[in-house]
Structures are given as C-alpha cells and as structure tokens.
Amino acid sequence: MTLIKERPPAISWRDRLEPITETPNEWMRVEEYALPATAYSIVSALRRGDKKVPEGVWDFRAAKIGRRGVVFARFVTAKNEATTEIAA
C-alpha cells in the first residue's frame, strides 16, 4: 500500500453544527485548537456571521482547557420560533 500525504477535506461550520440542531439548549464541544486564541477568534467570527451556520439562534463560547482552545456551541431555537416568541 502506498501512503499519500494529504489534508482531509474541510468540513464546513454548517455541516459541523447541523447535528446540534437535534438537541436544542445542549452545549456541545465542536472543535479544539492548539492555541486558545484561535478558538476565541473562531467564536468571534461565528457570532459576527462570518461563518455560515444552520438557520436559527445560536450561542457560541470559547474556553481555554489546559493549553488548548475549545469551541462550544448551543442551538437555542429555530429562527421562526424566536420571531414568534418576540412577537407574542
């Protein structure tokens, strides 16, 4: 067997977060980085909408665990449900 050195295909944030929509209001660890600064940067980008995520209302948090940075996500509710609650 010949070994081929290559990077795995990138997984979009939308694909990475989609399974979380099945368990609303549950915090999930979605990614880990060697540097905490990277996790904080990614969370900022997710909050600003720079990364595409599934429709709905989301919470994102970064944390330093040991020497690594970890990204956590929580799906709160579908966008149309949030609009209905605000209008009521």
Protein backbone atom coordinates (compact mmCIF):
# COMPACT_ATOMS: atom_id res chain seq x y z
CA MET A 1 0.00 0.00 0.00
CA THR A 2 1.27 3.44 -0.93
CA LEU A 3 0.85 6.19 1.62
CA ILE A 4 -0.25 9.55 0.31
CA LYS A 5 0.33 12.66 2.35
CA GLU A 6 -2.66 14.98 2.09
CA ARG A 7 -5.02 17.02 4.23
CA PRO A 8 -8.53 15.71 4.84
CA PRO A 9 -11.34 17.68 3.19
CA ALA A 10 -12.51 20.72 5.12
CA ILE A 11 -15.81 20.37 6.94
CA SER A 12 -17.95 23.49 6.80
CA TRP A 13 -19.24 25.01 10.01
CA ARG A 14 -22.77 24.44 8.73
CA ASP A 15 -22.12 20.68 8.37
CA ARG A 16 -20.30 20.55 11.70
CA LEU A 17 -23.16 22.26 13.59
CA GLU A 18 -26.17 20.69 11.86
CA PRO A 19 -26.37 17.65 14.22
CA ILE A 20 -26.62 20.01 17.22
CA THR A 21 -29.98 21.30 15.99
CA GLU A 22 -31.48 17.95 17.03
CA THR A 23 -30.72 18.67 20.72
CA PRO A 24 -31.67 22.31 21.45
CA ASN A 25 -30.24 24.06 24.51
CA GLU A 26 -27.46 21.50 24.98
CA TRP A 27 -23.87 22.78 24.93
CA MET A 28 -21.60 20.73 22.66
CA ARG A 29 -17.84 20.79 22.18
CA VAL A 30 -17.43 21.25 18.44
CA GLU A 31 -13.75 21.97 17.85
CA GLU A 32 -10.40 22.06 19.59
CA TYR A 33 -7.32 24.08 18.65
CA ALA A 34 -3.69 24.10 19.75
CA LEU A 35 -3.95 27.77 20.71
CA PRO A 36 -6.76 29.31 22.79
CA ALA A 37 -6.52 32.49 20.67
CA THR A 38 -7.66 30.50 17.64
CA ALA A 39 -10.77 29.28 19.46
CA TYR A 40 -11.63 32.83 20.59
CA SER A 41 -11.12 34.11 17.04
CA ILE A 42 -13.39 31.42 15.58
CA VAL A 43 -16.11 32.18 18.13
CA SER A 44 -15.93 35.88 17.22
CA ALA A 45 -16.31 35.00 13.54
CA LEU A 46 -19.27 32.71 14.27
CA ARG A 47 -21.01 35.42 16.33
CA ARG A 48 -20.45 38.06 13.61
CA GLY A 49 -21.87 35.74 10.97
CA ASP A 50 -18.59 35.42 9.08
CA LYS A 51 -19.02 31.62 9.11
CA LYS A 52 -22.16 30.04 7.69
CA VAL A 53 -24.15 28.09 10.26
CA PRO A 54 -27.56 26.37 10.11
CA GLU A 55 -30.55 28.72 10.40
CA GLY A 56 -31.63 29.54 13.91
CA VAL A 57 -30.49 31.22 17.09
CA TRP A 58 -27.07 30.07 18.36
CA ASP A 59 -24.76 30.65 21.33
CA PHE A 60 -21.02 30.20 20.90
CA ARG A 61 -18.33 30.14 23.59
CA ALA A 62 -14.60 29.61 23.66
CA ALA A 63 -12.63 28.28 26.59
CA LYS A 64 -9.04 27.52 27.45
CA ILE A 65 -8.78 23.94 28.68
CA GLY A 66 -5.25 23.07 29.64
CA ARG A 67 -3.17 24.73 26.95
CA ARG A 68 -5.71 24.23 24.18
CA GLY A 69 -8.61 26.34 22.95
CA VAL A 70 -12.05 24.77 22.69
CA VAL A 71 -15.15 26.00 20.83
CA PHE A 72 -18.57 25.19 22.26
CA ALA A 73 -21.92 25.72 20.53
CA ARG A 74 -25.54 25.59 21.61
CA PHE A 75 -28.56 25.68 19.31
CA VAL A 76 -31.23 27.72 21.07
CA THR A 77 -34.20 27.70 18.70
CA ALA A 78 -35.23 27.87 15.07
CA LYS A 79 -35.34 31.42 13.71
CA ASN A 80 -39.11 31.38 13.08
CA GLU A 81 -39.75 30.20 16.67
CA ALA A 82 -37.66 33.09 18.07
CA THR A 83 -39.60 35.59 15.96
CA THR A 84 -42.92 34.17 17.17
CA GLU A 85 -41.85 34.41 20.82
CA ILE A 86 -40.74 38.02 20.43
CA ALA A 87 -43.97 38.99 18.68
CA ALA A 88 -46.16 37.40 21.37
